[in-house]
């Protein structure tokens, strides 16, 4: 899975439209193999980003949980600790 796509559900403050679009862009880039599409593929690429963004927003709006919202800052700290452990083993 693409490491740049982060979980967006159940955070405080809630996810923004820009964050959903950025995740959709990363997803479409990953599956298309294009970082930036050619002019011939630009319309299809942008249509796909829009469709994935809409689907993701629909999903996020429909999900339910009884868990308390997670803190973005706490998740960043956890990710840094995991990264330090992973790269410490590689040395």
N, C-alpha and C. Protein backbone atom coordinates (compact mmCIF):
# COMPACT_ATOMS: atom_id res chain seq x y z
N UNK A 1 0.84 -1.19 0.00
CA UNK A 1 0.00 0.00 0.00
C UNK A 1 0.87 1.23 0.00
N UNK A 2 0.38 2.29 -0.55
CA UNK A 2 1.12 3.54 -0.64
C UNK A 2 1.28 4.13 0.76
N UNK A 3 2.51 4.34 1.15
CA UNK A 3 2.78 4.84 2.50
C UNK A 3 2.36 6.28 2.71
N UNK A 4 2.14 7.03 1.62
CA UNK A 4 1.75 8.43 1.75
C UNK A 4 0.28 8.62 2.04
N UNK A 5 -0.50 7.57 1.88
CA UNK A 5 -1.93 7.67 2.17
C UNK A 5 -2.14 7.34 3.65
N UNK A 6 -2.63 8.29 4.39
CA UNK A 6 -2.80 8.15 5.83
C UNK A 6 -4.27 7.93 6.17
N UNK A 7 -4.54 7.24 7.27
CA UNK A 7 -5.94 7.11 7.72
C UNK A 7 -6.53 8.50 7.95
N UNK A 8 -7.78 8.67 7.55
CA UNK A 8 -8.43 9.97 7.67
C UNK A 8 -9.65 9.95 8.58
N UNK A 9 -10.02 8.78 9.06
CA UNK A 9 -11.26 8.66 9.82
C UNK A 9 -11.04 8.78 11.32
N UNK A 10 -11.99 9.42 11.97
CA UNK A 10 -12.07 9.53 13.43
C UNK A 10 -10.93 10.33 14.03
N UNK A 11 -10.70 11.51 13.48
CA UNK A 11 -9.70 12.42 14.02
C UNK A 11 -10.37 13.69 14.50
N UNK A 12 -9.73 14.33 15.44
CA UNK A 12 -10.18 15.64 15.92
C UNK A 12 -9.04 16.61 15.70
N UNK A 13 -9.19 17.64 14.91
CA UNK A 13 -10.37 18.02 14.16
C UNK A 13 -10.62 17.08 12.98
N UNK A 14 -11.86 17.06 12.48
CA UNK A 14 -12.20 16.16 11.38
C UNK A 14 -11.39 16.45 10.12
N UNK A 15 -11.34 15.48 9.25
CA UNK A 15 -10.61 15.59 8.00
C UNK A 15 -11.19 16.73 7.15
N UNK A 16 -10.33 17.37 6.38
CA UNK A 16 -10.78 18.44 5.49
C UNK A 16 -10.93 17.90 4.07
N UNK A 17 -11.63 18.64 3.24
CA UNK A 17 -11.78 18.26 1.83
C UNK A 17 -10.42 18.20 1.14
N UNK A 18 -9.51 19.10 1.51
CA UNK A 18 -8.17 19.09 0.91
C UNK A 18 -7.40 17.82 1.26
N UNK A 19 -7.57 17.32 2.49
CA UNK A 19 -6.89 16.09 2.88
C UNK A 19 -7.46 14.88 2.14
N UNK A 20 -8.77 14.86 1.93
CA UNK A 20 -9.40 13.78 1.18
C UNK A 20 -8.92 13.82 -0.26
N UNK A 21 -8.86 15.01 -0.85
CA UNK A 21 -8.40 15.14 -2.24
C UNK A 21 -6.93 14.74 -2.37
N UNK A 22 -6.11 15.11 -1.41
CA UNK A 22 -4.68 14.74 -1.46
C UNK A 22 -4.52 13.22 -1.40
N UNK A 23 -5.32 12.55 -0.58
CA UNK A 23 -5.26 11.09 -0.50
C UNK A 23 -5.73 10.47 -1.82
N UNK A 24 -6.78 11.05 -2.40
CA UNK A 24 -7.29 10.55 -3.68
C UNK A 24 -6.24 10.73 -4.78
N UNK A 25 -5.57 11.87 -4.77
CA UNK A 25 -4.50 12.12 -5.75
C UNK A 25 -3.38 11.10 -5.61
N UNK A 26 -2.96 10.82 -4.40
CA UNK A 26 -1.91 9.82 -4.16
C UNK A 26 -2.36 8.45 -4.66
N UNK A 27 -3.60 8.10 -4.41
CA UNK A 27 -4.13 6.81 -4.85
C UNK A 27 -4.13 6.70 -6.37
N UNK A 28 -4.63 7.73 -7.04
CA UNK A 28 -4.69 7.72 -8.51
C UNK A 28 -3.28 7.72 -9.10
N UNK A 29 -2.36 8.46 -8.50
CA UNK A 29 -0.96 8.43 -8.95
C UNK A 29 -0.39 7.03 -8.84
N UNK A 30 -0.68 6.36 -7.73
CA UNK A 30 -0.15 5.03 -7.49
C UNK A 30 -0.67 4.03 -8.51
N UNK A 31 -1.97 4.00 -8.71
CA UNK A 31 -2.52 2.98 -9.60
C UNK A 31 -2.30 3.29 -11.08
N UNK A 32 -2.15 4.59 -11.43
CA UNK A 32 -1.93 4.94 -12.83
C UNK A 32 -0.45 4.87 -13.21
N UNK A 33 0.41 5.03 -12.22
CA UNK A 33 1.85 5.07 -12.50
C UNK A 33 2.32 6.43 -12.96
N UNK A 34 1.45 7.41 -12.96
CA UNK A 34 1.81 8.78 -13.38
C UNK A 34 1.90 9.68 -12.17
N UNK A 35 3.00 10.41 -12.07
CA UNK A 35 3.07 11.47 -11.07
C UNK A 35 2.32 12.68 -11.58
N UNK A 36 2.53 12.97 -12.86
CA UNK A 36 1.81 14.04 -13.54
C UNK A 36 1.45 13.49 -14.91
N UNK A 37 0.16 13.41 -15.22
CA UNK A 37 -0.23 12.80 -16.50
C UNK A 37 0.11 13.70 -17.68
N UNK A 38 0.20 13.10 -18.86
CA UNK A 38 0.39 13.86 -20.09
C UNK A 38 -0.89 14.63 -20.38
N UNK A 39 -0.81 15.57 -21.30
CA UNK A 39 -2.01 16.34 -21.69
C UNK A 39 -3.11 15.41 -22.19
N UNK A 40 -2.72 14.34 -22.90
CA UNK A 40 -3.71 13.41 -23.43
C UNK A 40 -4.46 12.67 -22.31
N UNK A 41 -3.80 12.45 -21.18
CA UNK A 41 -4.41 11.70 -20.08
C UNK A 41 -4.89 12.59 -18.93
N UNK A 42 -4.67 13.88 -19.03
CA UNK A 42 -4.98 14.79 -17.92
C UNK A 42 -6.45 14.78 -17.54
N UNK A 43 -7.35 14.79 -18.51
CA UNK A 43 -8.79 14.83 -18.21
C UNK A 43 -9.21 13.55 -17.49
N UNK A 44 -8.76 12.40 -17.98
CA UNK A 44 -9.11 11.13 -17.34
C UNK A 44 -8.53 11.06 -15.93
N UNK A 45 -7.30 11.53 -15.77
CA UNK A 45 -6.63 11.54 -14.46
C UNK A 45 -7.42 12.40 -13.48
N UNK A 46 -7.78 13.61 -13.88
CA UNK A 46 -8.51 14.52 -12.99
C UNK A 46 -9.91 14.00 -12.68
N UNK A 47 -10.55 13.37 -13.65
CA UNK A 47 -11.86 12.76 -13.42
C UNK A 47 -11.76 11.65 -12.37
N UNK A 48 -10.70 10.85 -12.49
CA UNK A 48 -10.49 9.78 -11.51
C UNK A 48 -10.25 10.34 -10.11
N UNK A 49 -9.46 11.40 -10.00
CA UNK A 49 -9.20 12.02 -8.70
C UNK A 49 -10.51 12.53 -8.10
N UNK A 50 -11.33 13.17 -8.92
CA UNK A 50 -12.62 13.67 -8.44
C UNK A 50 -13.52 12.52 -7.96
N UNK A 51 -13.56 11.42 -8.73
CA UNK A 51 -14.41 10.28 -8.38
C UNK A 51 -13.93 9.61 -7.10
N UNK A 52 -12.63 9.44 -6.96
CA UNK A 52 -12.08 8.82 -5.74
C UNK A 52 -12.32 9.74 -4.54
N UNK A 53 -12.16 11.04 -4.71
CA UNK A 53 -12.43 12.00 -3.62
C UNK A 53 -13.88 11.91 -3.17
N UNK A 54 -14.80 11.85 -4.13
CA UNK A 54 -16.22 11.76 -3.79
C UNK A 54 -16.53 10.46 -3.07
N UNK A 55 -15.96 9.35 -3.55
CA UNK A 55 -16.19 8.06 -2.90
C UNK A 55 -15.63 8.05 -1.49
N UNK A 56 -14.44 8.62 -1.31
CA UNK A 56 -13.82 8.66 0.01
C UNK A 56 -14.64 9.53 0.97
N UNK A 57 -15.12 10.67 0.48
CA UNK A 57 -15.94 11.55 1.33
C UNK A 57 -17.24 10.85 1.73
N UNK A 58 -17.84 10.12 0.80
CA UNK A 58 -19.06 9.36 1.10
C UNK A 58 -18.78 8.31 2.16
N UNK A 59 -17.69 7.58 1.99
CA UNK A 59 -17.32 6.56 2.96
C UNK A 59 -17.09 7.17 4.34
N UNK A 60 -16.29 8.22 4.41
CA UNK A 60 -15.98 8.83 5.70
C UNK A 60 -17.23 9.37 6.39
N UNK A 61 -18.17 9.87 5.59
CA UNK A 61 -19.42 10.38 6.16
C UNK A 61 -20.34 9.30 6.66
N UNK A 62 -20.22 8.09 6.12
CA UNK A 62 -21.11 6.99 6.48
C UNK A 62 -20.58 6.14 7.63
N UNK A 63 -19.29 6.19 7.90
CA UNK A 63 -18.71 5.35 8.94
C UNK A 63 -19.17 5.78 10.33
N UNK A 64 -19.30 4.81 11.21
CA UNK A 64 -19.70 5.07 12.60
C UNK A 64 -18.73 4.36 13.53
N UNK A 65 -18.47 4.97 14.67
CA UNK A 65 -17.61 4.35 15.68
C UNK A 65 -18.01 4.84 17.05
N UNK A 66 -17.73 4.01 18.05
CA UNK A 66 -17.95 4.44 19.43
C UNK A 66 -16.62 4.85 20.07
N UNK A 67 -15.53 4.68 19.32
CA UNK A 67 -14.21 5.06 19.83
C UNK A 67 -14.07 6.58 19.88
N UNK A 68 -13.34 7.08 20.85
CA UNK A 68 -13.13 8.54 20.89
C UNK A 68 -12.24 8.96 19.73
N UNK A 69 -12.39 10.21 19.26
CA UNK A 69 -11.56 10.69 18.16
C UNK A 69 -10.07 10.65 18.54
N UNK A 70 -9.24 10.35 17.56
CA UNK A 70 -7.79 10.31 17.78
C UNK A 70 -7.20 11.69 17.59
N UNK A 71 -6.09 11.91 18.24
CA UNK A 71 -5.37 13.17 18.12
C UNK A 71 -4.35 13.05 17.00
N UNK A 72 -4.34 14.00 16.10
CA UNK A 72 -3.37 13.98 15.00
C UNK A 72 -1.94 14.04 15.53
N UNK A 73 -1.73 14.85 16.54
CA UNK A 73 -0.38 14.99 17.10
C UNK A 73 0.10 13.68 17.72
N UNK A 74 -0.78 13.00 18.44
CA UNK A 74 -0.41 11.72 19.05
C UNK A 74 -0.10 10.68 17.99
N UNK A 75 -0.83 10.67 16.88
CA UNK A 75 -0.59 9.72 15.80
C UNK A 75 0.75 10.01 15.11
N UNK A 76 1.11 11.28 15.00
CA UNK A 76 2.40 11.65 14.42
C UNK A 76 3.54 11.15 15.29
N UNK A 77 3.39 11.30 16.60
CA UNK A 77 4.41 10.82 17.53
C UNK A 77 4.56 9.30 17.42
N UNK A 78 3.43 8.58 17.37
CA UNK A 78 3.48 7.13 17.23
C UNK A 78 4.18 6.72 15.93
N UNK A 79 3.89 7.43 14.86
CA UNK A 79 4.51 7.11 13.56
C UNK A 79 6.02 7.34 13.61
N UNK A 80 6.44 8.40 14.27
CA UNK A 80 7.88 8.67 14.39
C UNK A 80 8.58 7.57 15.19
N UNK A 81 7.95 7.12 16.25
CA UNK A 81 8.52 6.04 17.07
C UNK A 81 8.63 4.76 16.24
N UNK A 82 7.57 4.42 15.49
CA UNK A 82 7.62 3.24 14.63
C UNK A 82 8.73 3.36 13.59
N UNK A 83 8.88 4.53 13.03
CA UNK A 83 9.92 4.76 12.02
C UNK A 83 11.31 4.62 12.62
N UNK A 84 11.51 5.18 13.80
CA UNK A 84 12.82 5.07 14.46
C UNK A 84 13.16 3.61 14.75
N UNK A 85 12.17 2.84 15.19
CA UNK A 85 12.40 1.42 15.46
C UNK A 85 12.73 0.67 14.18
N UNK A 86 11.99 0.96 13.12
CA UNK A 86 12.20 0.26 11.85
C UNK A 86 13.59 0.54 11.29
N UNK A 87 13.99 1.81 11.31
CA UNK A 87 15.27 2.17 10.73
C UNK A 87 16.44 1.84 11.65
N UNK A 88 16.20 1.74 12.95
CA UNK A 88 17.25 1.35 13.88
C UNK A 88 17.65 -0.11 13.65
N UNK A 89 16.69 -0.95 13.29
CA UNK A 89 16.96 -2.36 13.02
C UNK A 89 17.74 -2.54 11.72
N UNK A 90 17.58 -1.61 10.79
CA UNK A 90 18.26 -1.72 9.50
C UNK A 90 19.74 -1.40 9.58
N UNK A 91 20.15 -0.71 10.61
CA UNK A 91 21.55 -0.29 10.72
C UNK A 91 22.46 -1.37 11.22
